[in-house]
N, C-alpha and C. Protein backbone atom coordinates (compact mmCIF):
# COMPACT_ATOMS: atom_id res chain seq x y z
N MET A 1 132.63 111.07 112.63
CA MET A 1 132.70 110.51 111.28
C MET A 1 133.23 111.46 110.06
N ASP A 2 134.37 110.69 109.68
CA ASP A 2 134.85 111.42 108.37
C ASP A 2 134.40 110.67 107.23
N ILE A 3 134.18 111.51 106.15
CA ILE A 3 133.61 111.07 104.81
C ILE A 3 134.79 111.18 104.06
N ARG A 4 135.27 109.97 103.45
CA ARG A 4 136.58 110.10 102.39
C ARG A 4 136.14 110.58 100.92
N ARG A 5 134.92 110.29 100.59
CA ARG A 5 134.62 110.89 99.29
C ARG A 5 133.02 111.07 99.52
N LEU A 6 132.59 112.24 98.75
CA LEU A 6 131.08 112.56 98.64
C LEU A 6 130.92 112.60 97.04
N LEU A 7 130.12 111.92 96.46
CA LEU A 7 129.63 111.80 95.21
C LEU A 7 128.17 112.26 95.28
N VAL A 8 127.77 113.46 94.47
CA VAL A 8 126.38 113.55 94.36
C VAL A 8 126.08 113.78 92.94
N ILE A 9 125.07 112.82 92.41
CA ILE A 9 124.68 112.61 90.90
C ILE A 9 123.32 113.18 90.77
N SER A 10 122.96 114.07 89.78
CA SER A 10 121.60 114.27 89.44
C SER A 10 121.37 113.73 87.95
N ASP A 11 120.27 113.15 87.89
CA ASP A 11 119.61 112.51 86.77
C ASP A 11 118.37 112.77 86.46
N THR A 12 118.04 113.62 85.19
CA THR A 12 116.78 114.07 84.94
C THR A 12 116.46 113.32 83.55
N VAL A 13 115.29 112.79 83.80
CA VAL A 13 114.78 111.74 82.59
C VAL A 13 113.70 112.77 81.92
N LYS A 14 113.80 112.93 80.63
CA LYS A 14 112.95 113.95 79.88
C LYS A 14 112.23 112.89 78.75
N PHE A 15 112.78 111.87 78.37
CA PHE A 15 112.16 110.92 77.42
C PHE A 15 112.46 109.70 77.84
N GLU A 16 111.23 108.68 77.69
CA GLU A 16 111.35 107.33 78.15
C GLU A 16 110.10 106.51 77.44
N GLY A 17 110.60 105.40 77.15
CA GLY A 17 109.75 104.39 76.57
C GLY A 17 109.22 104.74 75.18
N GLY A 18 110.07 105.47 74.61
CA GLY A 18 110.01 105.96 73.13
C GLY A 18 109.18 107.25 72.88
N SER A 19 108.78 107.89 74.14
CA SER A 19 108.11 109.23 74.07
C SER A 19 108.55 110.15 75.08
N THR A 20 108.07 111.48 74.90
CA THR A 20 108.43 112.54 75.83
C THR A 20 107.94 112.22 77.34
N ALA A 21 108.61 112.49 78.36
CA ALA A 21 108.00 112.13 79.69
C ALA A 21 106.85 113.00 79.96
N ILE A 22 105.79 112.57 80.46
CA ILE A 22 104.54 113.41 80.91
C ILE A 22 105.08 114.52 81.61
N VAL A 23 105.86 114.31 82.63
CA VAL A 23 106.81 115.46 83.58
C VAL A 23 108.23 114.96 83.69
N PRO A 24 109.08 115.83 83.18
CA PRO A 24 110.50 115.47 83.43
C PRO A 24 110.67 115.02 85.02
N VAL A 25 111.52 113.99 85.16
CA VAL A 25 111.63 113.83 86.69
C VAL A 25 113.23 113.74 86.91
N THR A 26 113.59 114.18 88.08
CA THR A 26 114.98 114.65 88.23
C THR A 26 114.88 113.69 89.76
N ARG A 27 116.10 112.80 89.61
CA ARG A 27 116.38 112.03 91.03
C ARG A 27 118.06 112.38 91.10
N VAL A 28 118.08 112.62 92.49
CA VAL A 28 119.49 112.92 93.01
C VAL A 28 119.86 111.90 94.08
N ALA A 29 121.19 111.50 93.76
CA ALA A 29 121.79 110.58 94.72
C ALA A 29 122.92 111.43 95.22
N ALA A 30 122.90 111.09 96.67
CA ALA A 30 124.22 111.55 97.35
C ALA A 30 124.76 110.41 98.03
N CYS A 31 125.99 110.18 97.79
CA CYS A 31 126.65 109.05 98.14
C CYS A 31 127.87 109.33 99.30
N ALA A 32 128.26 108.66 100.31
CA ALA A 32 129.01 109.18 100.93
C ALA A 32 130.04 107.81 101.26
N VAL A 33 131.24 108.00 101.16
CA VAL A 33 132.23 106.77 101.40
C VAL A 33 132.90 106.95 102.73
N ILE A 34 132.44 106.07 103.43
CA ILE A 34 133.03 106.27 105.00
C ILE A 34 133.96 104.94 105.43
N ALA A 35 134.59 105.10 106.46
CA ALA A 35 135.25 103.77 107.00
C ALA A 35 134.31 103.15 107.82
N ASN A 36 134.58 101.79 107.67
CA ASN A 36 133.86 100.89 108.58
C ASN A 36 134.51 100.59 109.63
N PRO A 37 134.14 101.07 110.94
CA PRO A 37 134.84 100.90 112.11
C PRO A 37 134.98 99.42 112.54
N LEU A 38 134.00 98.56 111.97
CA LEU A 38 133.77 97.01 112.41
C LEU A 38 134.35 96.12 111.48
N ALA A 39 135.07 96.80 110.19
CA ALA A 39 135.56 95.78 109.11
C ALA A 39 136.65 94.78 109.72
N GLY A 40 136.31 93.58 109.44
CA GLY A 40 137.17 92.62 110.01
C GLY A 40 136.92 92.26 111.32
N VAL A 41 136.18 92.78 112.11
CA VAL A 41 135.98 92.58 113.49
C VAL A 41 134.70 91.80 113.79
N ALA A 42 134.87 90.51 114.38
CA ALA A 42 133.67 89.77 114.65
C ALA A 42 133.20 90.12 116.07
N THR A 43 132.01 90.77 116.04
CA THR A 43 131.16 91.14 116.93
C THR A 43 129.82 91.31 116.79
N ASP A 44 129.00 91.27 117.79
CA ASP A 44 127.33 91.42 117.62
C ASP A 44 127.01 92.73 118.19
N ASP A 45 128.11 93.56 118.69
CA ASP A 45 127.65 94.74 119.29
C ASP A 45 128.14 95.85 118.00
N LEU A 46 126.93 96.26 117.31
CA LEU A 46 126.84 97.19 116.26
C LEU A 46 126.71 98.68 116.90
N GLY A 47 126.53 98.88 117.93
CA GLY A 47 126.40 100.24 118.48
C GLY A 47 127.15 101.22 117.97
N VAL A 48 128.37 101.05 117.48
CA VAL A 48 128.91 102.26 116.87
C VAL A 48 128.47 102.77 115.63
N LEU A 49 127.82 101.94 114.90
CA LEU A 49 127.31 102.23 113.71
C LEU A 49 126.19 103.01 113.60
N ILE A 50 125.25 102.85 114.71
CA ILE A 50 123.93 103.30 114.68
C ILE A 50 123.96 104.74 114.68
N PRO A 51 124.70 105.64 115.35
CA PRO A 51 124.51 107.10 115.35
C PRO A 51 125.05 107.50 113.75
N LEU A 52 125.87 106.83 113.09
CA LEU A 52 126.27 107.18 111.72
C LEU A 52 125.11 107.31 110.90
N GLY A 53 123.93 106.69 111.21
CA GLY A 53 122.75 106.72 110.40
C GLY A 53 122.02 108.14 110.48
N ALA A 54 122.05 108.51 111.62
CA ALA A 54 121.37 109.99 111.67
C ALA A 54 122.28 110.91 111.03
N GLU A 55 123.58 111.16 111.40
CA GLU A 55 124.51 111.96 110.72
C GLU A 55 124.43 111.93 109.34
N LEU A 56 124.40 110.66 108.70
CA LEU A 56 124.42 110.49 107.26
C LEU A 56 123.20 111.08 106.76
N GLY A 57 122.16 110.61 107.30
CA GLY A 57 120.81 110.80 106.81
C GLY A 57 120.58 112.26 106.69
N GLU A 58 121.03 113.27 107.63
CA GLU A 58 120.94 114.64 107.72
C GLU A 58 121.88 115.18 106.75
N HIS A 59 123.05 114.64 106.70
CA HIS A 59 123.97 115.38 105.63
C HIS A 59 123.69 114.89 104.14
N LEU A 60 123.55 113.69 103.83
CA LEU A 60 123.10 113.22 102.35
C LEU A 60 121.75 113.78 101.89
N SER A 61 120.91 113.98 102.87
CA SER A 61 119.51 114.50 102.36
C SER A 61 119.90 115.98 101.93
N ALA A 62 120.51 116.73 102.71
CA ALA A 62 120.74 117.93 102.55
C ALA A 62 121.50 118.30 101.12
N GLU A 63 122.51 117.38 101.10
CA GLU A 63 123.38 117.45 99.83
C GLU A 63 122.46 117.27 98.65
N ALA A 64 121.55 116.04 98.73
CA ALA A 64 120.99 115.75 97.55
C ALA A 64 119.67 116.79 97.32
N ARG A 65 119.12 117.48 98.49
CA ARG A 65 118.01 118.43 98.28
C ARG A 65 118.59 119.67 97.55
N THR A 66 120.04 120.03 97.68
CA THR A 66 120.38 121.23 97.06
C THR A 66 120.25 121.20 95.57
N LEU A 67 120.15 119.93 94.79
CA LEU A 67 120.35 119.66 93.46
C LEU A 67 118.85 119.54 92.86
N LEU A 68 117.98 119.47 93.69
CA LEU A 68 116.69 119.04 93.34
C LEU A 68 116.03 120.51 93.55
N ARG A 69 115.25 120.82 92.08
CA ARG A 69 114.65 121.99 92.03
C ARG A 69 113.38 122.18 92.54
N ALA A 70 112.62 121.08 92.44
CA ALA A 70 111.14 121.04 92.76
C ALA A 70 110.98 120.25 94.15
N PRO A 71 109.98 120.24 94.74
CA PRO A 71 109.68 119.47 95.99
C PRO A 71 109.94 117.93 95.84
N VAL A 72 110.31 117.43 96.91
CA VAL A 72 110.55 115.84 97.05
C VAL A 72 109.35 115.13 97.05
N VAL A 73 109.28 114.34 96.14
CA VAL A 73 107.95 113.38 96.14
C VAL A 73 108.43 111.86 96.56
N SER A 74 109.60 111.47 96.03
CA SER A 74 109.95 110.01 96.50
C SER A 74 111.27 110.00 97.10
N TYR A 75 111.47 108.77 97.69
CA TYR A 75 112.83 108.78 98.10
C TYR A 75 113.24 107.55 98.46
N GLY A 76 114.52 107.07 98.78
CA GLY A 76 115.26 105.65 98.83
C GLY A 76 116.62 105.91 99.49
N LYS A 77 117.09 104.86 100.17
CA LYS A 77 118.43 104.80 100.61
C LYS A 77 119.01 103.31 100.45
N ALA A 78 120.26 103.26 100.54
CA ALA A 78 120.92 102.15 100.40
C ALA A 78 122.34 101.99 100.94
N ALA A 79 123.27 100.90 100.90
CA ALA A 79 124.43 101.00 101.39
C ALA A 79 124.95 99.93 100.68
N LEU A 80 126.36 100.08 100.18
CA LEU A 80 127.25 99.02 99.93
C LEU A 80 128.16 98.75 100.85
N ILE A 81 128.78 97.69 101.49
CA ILE A 81 129.66 97.12 102.41
C ILE A 81 130.78 96.40 101.62
N GLY A 82 131.81 96.94 102.01
CA GLY A 82 133.35 96.49 101.55
C GLY A 82 133.39 94.95 102.12
N SER A 83 134.03 94.09 101.41
CA SER A 83 134.06 92.66 101.70
C SER A 83 134.78 92.40 103.14
N ALA A 84 135.31 93.32 103.73
CA ALA A 84 135.66 93.11 105.10
C ALA A 84 134.69 93.38 106.14
N GLY A 85 133.41 93.73 105.64
CA GLY A 85 132.39 94.21 106.35
C GLY A 85 131.40 92.86 106.43
N ASP A 86 130.24 93.47 107.17
CA ASP A 86 129.02 92.39 107.24
C ASP A 86 127.73 93.06 106.79
N ILE A 87 126.83 92.41 106.31
CA ILE A 87 125.66 92.87 105.82
C ILE A 87 124.96 93.80 107.15
N GLU A 88 125.12 93.11 108.09
CA GLU A 88 124.43 94.10 109.29
C GLU A 88 124.90 95.19 109.70
N HIS A 89 126.19 95.70 109.15
CA HIS A 89 126.91 96.72 109.18
C HIS A 89 126.04 97.84 108.63
N ALA A 90 125.53 97.64 107.34
CA ALA A 90 124.81 98.46 106.68
C ALA A 90 123.45 98.61 107.23
N ALA A 91 122.92 97.36 107.69
CA ALA A 91 121.60 97.68 108.24
C ALA A 91 121.62 98.45 109.46
N ALA A 92 122.68 98.50 110.21
CA ALA A 92 122.84 99.24 111.62
C ALA A 92 122.66 100.84 111.16
N ILE A 93 123.26 101.16 110.08
CA ILE A 93 123.50 102.48 109.52
C ILE A 93 122.05 102.95 109.17
N ILE A 94 121.41 102.20 108.18
CA ILE A 94 120.34 102.91 107.42
C ILE A 94 119.12 102.43 107.98
N HIS A 95 118.76 101.66 108.90
CA HIS A 95 117.48 101.37 109.53
C HIS A 95 117.20 102.23 110.89
N PRO A 96 117.91 101.85 111.93
CA PRO A 96 117.34 102.34 113.10
C PRO A 96 116.90 104.27 113.18
N ARG A 97 118.05 104.97 112.59
CA ARG A 97 118.04 106.23 112.66
C ARG A 97 118.17 107.16 111.56
N MET A 98 118.34 106.54 110.42
CA MET A 98 118.69 107.50 109.18
C MET A 98 117.09 108.08 108.82
N GLY A 99 116.04 107.65 108.92
CA GLY A 99 115.03 107.96 108.40
C GLY A 99 114.35 109.35 108.88
N LYS A 100 114.46 109.55 110.18
CA LYS A 100 114.07 110.82 110.84
C LYS A 100 114.62 112.28 110.37
N PRO A 101 116.06 112.12 109.96
CA PRO A 101 116.77 113.32 109.63
C PRO A 101 116.20 113.43 107.89
N MET A 102 116.16 112.36 107.25
CA MET A 102 115.64 112.38 105.94
C MET A 102 114.19 112.94 105.93
N ARG A 103 113.45 112.75 106.76
CA ARG A 103 112.12 113.15 106.51
C ARG A 103 112.14 114.68 107.01
N GLU A 104 113.01 115.10 107.97
CA GLU A 104 112.96 116.43 108.37
C GLU A 104 113.55 117.30 107.37
N ALA A 105 114.70 116.62 106.43
CA ALA A 105 115.20 117.37 105.55
C ALA A 105 114.12 117.82 104.41
N ILE A 106 113.21 116.80 104.18
CA ILE A 106 112.07 117.09 102.94
C ILE A 106 110.78 117.60 103.54
N GLY A 107 110.78 117.93 104.77
CA GLY A 107 109.52 118.55 105.42
C GLY A 107 108.40 117.29 105.53
N GLY A 108 108.66 116.22 106.03
CA GLY A 108 107.73 115.26 106.19
C GLY A 108 108.16 113.79 105.36
N GLY A 109 107.05 112.91 105.31
CA GLY A 109 107.20 111.69 104.73
C GLY A 109 106.56 110.84 105.61
N GLN A 110 105.30 110.28 105.28
CA GLN A 110 104.58 109.29 105.92
C GLN A 110 104.97 107.79 105.68
N ALA A 111 105.40 107.64 104.49
CA ALA A 111 105.81 106.19 104.20
C ALA A 111 107.34 105.82 104.63
N ILE A 112 107.16 104.49 104.58
CA ILE A 112 108.55 103.84 104.68
C ILE A 112 109.60 104.21 103.62
N ILE A 113 110.74 104.25 104.08
CA ILE A 113 111.81 104.59 102.90
C ILE A 113 112.37 103.40 102.45
N PRO A 114 112.03 103.03 101.25
CA PRO A 114 112.67 101.76 100.65
C PRO A 114 114.02 101.65 100.75
N SER A 115 114.63 100.56 100.89
CA SER A 115 116.22 100.57 101.22
C SER A 115 116.86 99.25 100.35
N ASN A 116 118.03 98.99 100.44
CA ASN A 116 118.67 97.93 99.86
C ASN A 116 120.17 98.04 100.35
N VAL A 117 120.63 96.87 100.49
CA VAL A 117 122.09 96.74 100.98
C VAL A 117 122.46 95.24 100.50
N LYS A 118 124.06 95.68 100.35
CA LYS A 118 124.75 94.44 99.66
C LYS A 118 126.46 94.53 100.07
N ILE A 119 126.87 93.45 100.26
CA ILE A 119 128.36 93.11 100.01
C ILE A 119 128.81 93.58 98.67
N ALA A 120 129.86 94.42 98.47
CA ALA A 120 130.39 94.78 97.15
C ALA A 120 131.72 94.98 97.06
N ALA A 121 132.23 94.76 95.73
CA ALA A 121 133.67 95.16 95.48
C ALA A 121 133.61 96.47 95.15
N PRO A 122 134.68 97.17 94.90
CA PRO A 122 134.86 98.59 94.61
C PRO A 122 134.30 98.74 93.04
N GLY A 123 133.56 99.56 92.85
CA GLY A 123 132.89 100.03 91.78
C GLY A 123 131.66 99.54 91.52
N GLU A 124 131.21 98.54 92.16
CA GLU A 124 130.05 97.52 92.27
C GLU A 124 128.79 98.63 92.22
N SER A 125 127.78 98.44 91.54
CA SER A 125 126.56 98.99 91.39
C SER A 125 125.55 98.39 92.51
N ILE A 126 124.51 99.45 92.71
CA ILE A 126 123.35 98.95 93.64
C ILE A 126 122.26 99.44 93.16
N ASP A 127 121.00 98.99 93.19
CA ASP A 127 119.76 99.54 92.92
C ASP A 127 119.27 100.12 94.09
N VAL A 128 119.00 101.33 94.23
CA VAL A 128 118.17 101.91 95.06
C VAL A 128 116.72 102.21 94.88
N PRO A 129 116.01 101.41 95.64
CA PRO A 129 114.58 101.31 95.55
C PRO A 129 114.01 102.71 96.02
N LEU A 130 112.94 103.26 94.80
CA LEU A 130 112.29 104.53 95.44
C LEU A 130 110.78 104.41 95.52
N GLY A 131 110.32 105.08 96.61
CA GLY A 131 108.90 105.10 96.97
C GLY A 131 108.32 106.51 97.01
N HIS A 132 106.99 106.68 96.98
CA HIS A 132 106.44 108.02 97.39
C HIS A 132 106.61 108.27 98.72
N LYS A 133 106.91 109.20 99.08
CA LYS A 133 107.31 109.74 100.52
C LYS A 133 106.02 109.57 101.48
N ASP A 134 104.85 109.67 100.98
CA ASP A 134 103.61 109.87 101.61
C ASP A 134 102.73 108.38 101.57
N ASP A 135 102.69 107.70 100.21
CA ASP A 135 101.83 106.86 99.93
C ASP A 135 102.61 105.47 99.39
N VAL A 136 102.81 104.53 100.31
CA VAL A 136 103.74 103.25 99.94
C VAL A 136 102.98 102.44 98.64
N TRP A 137 101.63 102.82 98.56
CA TRP A 137 100.88 102.06 97.38
C TRP A 137 100.87 103.02 96.16
N SER A 138 101.58 104.05 96.07
CA SER A 138 101.65 104.85 94.72
C SER A 138 102.43 103.98 93.84
N PHE A 139 101.76 103.24 92.90
CA PHE A 139 102.55 102.62 91.83
C PHE A 139 103.28 103.59 91.01
N ASP A 140 102.77 104.57 90.79
CA ASP A 140 103.52 105.80 89.76
C ASP A 140 104.96 105.94 90.50
N HIS A 141 105.10 105.71 91.58
CA HIS A 141 106.43 106.36 92.19
C HIS A 141 107.51 105.03 92.68
N ILE A 142 106.87 103.84 92.29
CA ILE A 142 107.91 102.62 92.48
C ILE A 142 108.78 102.64 91.68
N ASP A 143 110.06 103.09 91.88
CA ASP A 143 111.18 103.24 90.81
C ASP A 143 112.58 102.66 91.35
N THR A 144 113.57 103.02 90.64
CA THR A 144 114.86 102.49 91.10
C THR A 144 115.82 103.29 90.37
N MET A 145 116.87 103.77 91.14
CA MET A 145 117.93 104.48 90.57
C MET A 145 119.32 103.76 90.77
N THR A 146 119.91 103.31 89.83
CA THR A 146 121.26 102.60 90.08
C THR A 146 122.40 103.22 90.15
N ILE A 147 123.20 102.92 91.35
CA ILE A 147 124.37 103.87 91.65
C ILE A 147 125.62 103.07 91.72
N ALA A 148 126.64 103.64 91.28
CA ALA A 148 128.09 103.12 91.75
C ALA A 148 128.91 104.38 91.92
N VAL A 149 129.97 103.83 92.94
CA VAL A 149 130.98 104.96 93.14
C VAL A 149 132.07 104.32 92.84
N PRO A 150 132.86 104.90 91.72
CA PRO A 150 134.20 104.20 91.02
C PRO A 150 135.26 104.34 92.22
N GLY A 151 135.86 102.85 92.21
CA GLY A 151 136.69 102.49 93.35
C GLY A 151 136.32 102.37 94.89
N ALA A 152 135.12 102.48 95.14
CA ALA A 152 134.51 102.11 96.55
C ALA A 152 133.19 101.25 96.27
N PRO A 153 133.03 100.55 97.43
CA PRO A 153 133.78 100.75 98.60
C PRO A 153 135.05 99.75 98.73
N ARG A 154 136.05 100.28 99.27
CA ARG A 154 137.22 99.26 99.55
C ARG A 154 136.80 98.46 100.71
N PRO A 155 137.57 97.20 100.81
CA PRO A 155 137.21 96.35 101.74
C PRO A 155 136.85 96.94 103.27
N ASP A 156 137.35 98.01 103.78
CA ASP A 156 137.13 98.55 104.90
C ASP A 156 136.29 99.85 104.93
N GLU A 157 135.48 99.79 103.83
CA GLU A 157 134.55 100.99 103.90
C GLU A 157 132.96 100.66 103.58
N ILE A 158 132.18 101.67 103.72
CA ILE A 158 130.85 101.48 103.53
C ILE A 158 130.64 102.79 102.54
N VAL A 159 129.57 102.49 101.50
CA VAL A 159 129.04 103.49 100.73
C VAL A 159 127.46 103.77 101.15
N VAL A 160 127.23 104.96 101.73
CA VAL A 160 126.00 105.01 101.94
C VAL A 160 125.29 106.10 101.01
N VAL A 161 124.10 105.68 100.72
CA VAL A 161 123.47 106.45 99.59
C VAL A 161 122.04 106.73 99.85
N VAL A 162 121.79 108.25 99.66
CA VAL A 162 120.56 108.71 99.73
C VAL A 162 119.92 109.03 98.61
N VAL A 163 118.87 108.72 97.99
CA VAL A 163 118.35 109.27 96.66
C VAL A 163 116.83 110.09 97.12
N LEU A 164 116.61 111.20 96.46
CA LEU A 164 115.55 112.03 96.60
C LEU A 164 114.98 112.35 95.15
N ALA A 165 113.78 112.39 94.84
CA ALA A 165 113.45 112.49 93.56
C ALA A 165 111.85 113.50 93.82
N ASP A 166 111.75 114.37 92.56
CA ASP A 166 110.76 114.99 92.38
C ASP A 166 109.51 114.87 91.69
N GLY A 167 109.68 113.32 91.70
CA GLY A 167 108.54 112.61 90.84
C GLY A 167 108.65 111.10 90.89
N GLY A 168 107.92 110.46 90.14
CA GLY A 168 107.94 108.97 89.75
C GLY A 168 108.56 108.47 88.58
N ARG A 169 108.02 107.52 88.15
CA ARG A 169 108.63 107.20 86.73
C ARG A 169 107.94 108.13 85.62
N PRO A 170 108.83 108.55 84.59
CA PRO A 170 108.42 109.59 83.74
C PRO A 170 107.24 109.26 82.78
N ARG A 171 107.07 108.28 82.60
CA ARG A 171 105.86 107.78 81.73
C ARG A 171 104.98 106.60 82.45
N PRO A 172 104.40 106.64 83.75
CA PRO A 172 103.90 105.61 84.40
C PRO A 172 102.32 105.07 83.60
N ARG A 173 102.41 103.83 83.44
CA ARG A 173 101.27 103.25 82.87
C ARG A 173 100.82 101.79 83.30
N VAL A 174 101.00 101.66 84.73
CA VAL A 174 100.64 100.46 85.46
C VAL A 174 99.82 100.90 86.59
N ALA A 175 98.66 100.47 86.90
CA ALA A 175 97.99 100.55 88.17
C ALA A 175 97.75 99.16 88.90
N LYS A 176 97.04 99.32 89.92
CA LYS A 176 96.63 98.00 90.65
C LYS A 176 95.69 97.17 89.62
N SER A 177 95.03 97.69 88.78
CA SER A 177 94.24 97.07 87.90
C SER A 177 94.77 96.64 86.81
N GLY A 178 96.08 97.03 86.49
CA GLY A 178 96.89 96.43 85.48
C GLY A 178 97.56 97.49 84.54
N ALA A 179 97.58 97.40 83.26
CA ALA A 179 97.99 98.50 82.41
C ALA A 179 96.91 99.54 81.97
N VAL A 180 97.35 100.90 82.13
CA VAL A 180 96.46 102.16 82.04
C VAL A 180 97.20 102.75 80.98
N PRO A 181 96.30 103.65 80.27
CA PRO A 181 96.97 104.78 79.39
C PRO A 181 97.89 105.83 80.24
N PRO A 182 98.68 106.39 79.63
CA PRO A 182 99.45 107.55 80.42
C PRO A 182 98.68 108.66 80.61
N ARG A 183 98.61 109.19 81.90
CA ARG A 183 98.09 110.54 82.31
C ARG A 183 98.63 111.59 81.56
N THR A 184 98.41 112.53 81.24
CA THR A 184 98.87 113.73 80.87
C THR A 184 99.18 114.76 81.91
N ALA A 185 100.02 115.73 81.80
CA ALA A 185 100.59 116.56 82.88
C ALA A 185 99.37 117.49 83.26
C-alpha cells in the first residue's frame, strides 16, 4: 500500500462555551490518502481492500499517538471515497480489520470505534465521530472532529482517517438525566 499523502492534525481546545475548558482536550487526526484499486471497477469482490484496514489502523494510530501527550481516552475513524469509488470501498477498509490495530496502539479499548464514511469531492470535509474507548455510554466523550484534506480525495482515491483524543468534550454539561452543571477538574 502506497500512501500518496499523510496529513496529521493536532487540535487542543482550551476554551469552549464562553469559559475555560475544565481540562484542555487534544484531538489528533492522522489522514492517509491512498489509491482506490477498485475505483471505476464494477465488482462485489472487495477482498483487495480488507487488508488495507489493518495496515492503516496500525500506521495511522501510531502517527496520531506521537502527537498526543496524554493517554488516549476516546477514538474514531472515517473515510472519504473519491467519486469513482463506492461507499462499500470505505466500509471494507474501516470495519473488518482496522479496529484491532487501533486498540493495540492505544493499549486497549472495549467500546466500538465510532465511524463515518461518504463519497466526496476533493477538499470536502467529514465529521469523525468520537466515543470513549471503554464506555460507549460515556456522554462526556461523545464528540466530533471535522476533517478535510485539501485536494483529496481525487476520484480514484480514498482518504482514511483515525482520530485519537485525550479527553471528551472540554465543558461537558449533559448526562442521561439531562442538563447538569459542569464538573471541575
